[in-house]
C-alpha atoms as a PDB file:
ATOM      1  CA  UNK A   1     123.688 113.570  95.844  1.00  0.00           C
ATOM      2  CA  UNK A   2     122.883 115.679  92.787  1.00  0.00           C
ATOM      3  CA  UNK A   3     123.742 119.369  93.111  1.00  0.00           C
ATOM      4  CA  UNK A   4     120.159 120.269  92.232  1.00  0.00           C
ATOM      5  CA  UNK A   5     119.010 118.947  95.626  1.00  0.00           C
ATOM      6  CA  UNK A   6     121.111 121.510  97.514  1.00  0.00           C
ATOM      7  CA  UNK A   7     121.787 119.052 100.326  1.00  0.00           C
ATOM      8  CA  UNK A   8     118.074 118.493 101.037  1.00  0.00           C
ATOM      9  CA  UNK A   9     117.974 115.048 102.660  1.00  0.00           C
ATOM     10  CA  UNK A  10     114.198 114.645 102.276  1.00  0.00           C
ATOM     11  CA  UNK A  11     114.351 115.239  98.521  1.00  0.00           C
ATOM     12  CA  UNK A  12     117.363 112.925  98.355  1.00  0.00           C
ATOM     13  CA  UNK A  13     115.212 110.113  99.752  1.00  0.00           C
ATOM     14  CA  UNK A  14     112.796 110.633  96.854  1.00  0.00           C
ATOM     15  CA  UNK A  15     115.711 110.693  94.428  1.00  0.00           C
ATOM     16  CA  UNK A  16     117.007 107.400  95.801  1.00  0.00           C
ATOM     17  CA  UNK A  17     113.544 105.883  95.559  1.00  0.00           C
ATOM     18  CA  UNK A  18     113.319 106.930  91.915  1.00  0.00           C
ATOM     19  CA  UNK A  19     116.735 105.466  91.126  1.00  0.00           C
ATOM     20  CA  UNK A  20     115.761 102.201  92.824  1.00  0.00           C
ATOM     21  CA  UNK A  21     112.589 102.077  90.751  1.00  0.00           C
ATOM     22  CA  UNK A  22     114.669 102.406  87.563  1.00  0.00           C
ATOM     23  CA  UNK A  23     117.050  99.685  88.742  1.00  0.00           C
ATOM     24  CA  UNK A  24     114.125  97.390  89.547  1.00  0.00           C
ATOM     25  CA  UNK A  25     112.583  97.868  86.093  1.00  0.00           C
ATOM     26  CA  UNK A  26     115.888  97.094  84.392  1.00  0.00           C
ATOM     27  CA  UNK A  27     116.427  94.011  86.564  1.00  0.00           C
ATOM     28  CA  UNK A  28     112.924  92.757  85.815  1.00  0.00           C
ATOM     29  CA  UNK A  29     113.432  93.246  82.078  1.00  0.00           C
ATOM     30  CA  UNK A  30     116.803  91.500  82.216  1.00  0.00           C
ATOM     31  CA  UNK A  31     115.251  88.511  83.965  1.00  0.00           C
ATOM     32  CA  UNK A  32     112.449  88.288  81.425  1.00  0.00           C
ATOM     33  CA  UNK A  33     114.886  88.572  78.524  1.00  0.00           C
ATOM     34  CA  UNK A  34     117.141  85.853  79.923  1.00  0.00           C
ATOM     35  CA  UNK A  35     114.083  83.606  80.161  1.00  0.00           C
ATOM     36  CA  UNK A  36     113.357  84.246  76.482  1.00  0.00           C
ATOM     37  CA  UNK A  37     110.345  86.476  77.111  1.00  0.00           C
ATOM     38  CA  UNK A  38     111.562  89.301  74.879  1.00  0.00           C
ATOM     39  CA  UNK A  39     108.141  90.788  74.184  1.00  0.00           C
ATOM     40  CA  UNK A  40     107.427  91.085  77.899  1.00  0.00           C
ATOM     41  CA  UNK A  41     110.914  92.471  78.525  1.00  0.00           C
ATOM     42  CA  UNK A  42     110.332  95.188  75.918  1.00  0.00           C
ATOM     43  CA  UNK A  43     107.027  96.067  77.563  1.00  0.00           C
ATOM     44  CA  UNK A  44     108.722  96.417  80.943  1.00  0.00           C
ATOM     45  CA  UNK A  45     111.562  98.513  79.468  1.00  0.00           C
ATOM     46  CA  UNK A  46     109.015 100.857  77.886  1.00  0.00           C
ATOM     47  CA  UNK A  47     108.203 102.030  81.432  1.00  0.00           C
ATOM     48  CA  UNK A  48     111.647 103.678  81.631  1.00  0.00           C
ATOM     49  CA  UNK A  49     110.601 106.619  79.453  1.00  0.00           C
ATOM     50  CA  UNK A  50     107.791 107.485  81.854  1.00  0.00           C
ATOM     51  CA  UNK A  51     110.102 107.177  84.850  1.00  0.00           C
ATOM     52  CA  UNK A  52     112.652 109.395  83.130  1.00  0.00           C
ATOM     53  CA  UNK A  53     110.064 112.099  82.518  1.00  0.00           C
ATOM     54  CA  UNK A  54     108.746 111.853  86.060  1.00  0.00           C
ATOM     55  CA  UNK A  55     112.031 111.914  87.952  1.00  0.00           C
ATOM     56  CA  UNK A  56     114.188 113.902  85.562  1.00  0.00           C
ATOM     57  CA  UNK A  57     111.967 116.960  85.786  1.00  0.00           C
ATOM     58  CA  UNK A  58     111.763 116.677  89.557  1.00  0.00           C
ATOM     59  CA  UNK A  59     115.434 116.115  90.383  1.00  0.00           C
ATOM     60  CA  UNK A  60     117.449 117.595  87.522  1.00  0.00           C
END
């Protein structure tokens, strides 16, 4: 648990959800890339910047 959450279990659930969302995006992009769909994989990866902004400000 990040120190910024101060042991707050409810906020930690949101943090975990955000991390899972990042993992899912990366997994989806990896699958697309392995199938040769590089353009689609790049489009999916571009979502990471938005997720970073959203969750980083909330949980950092």
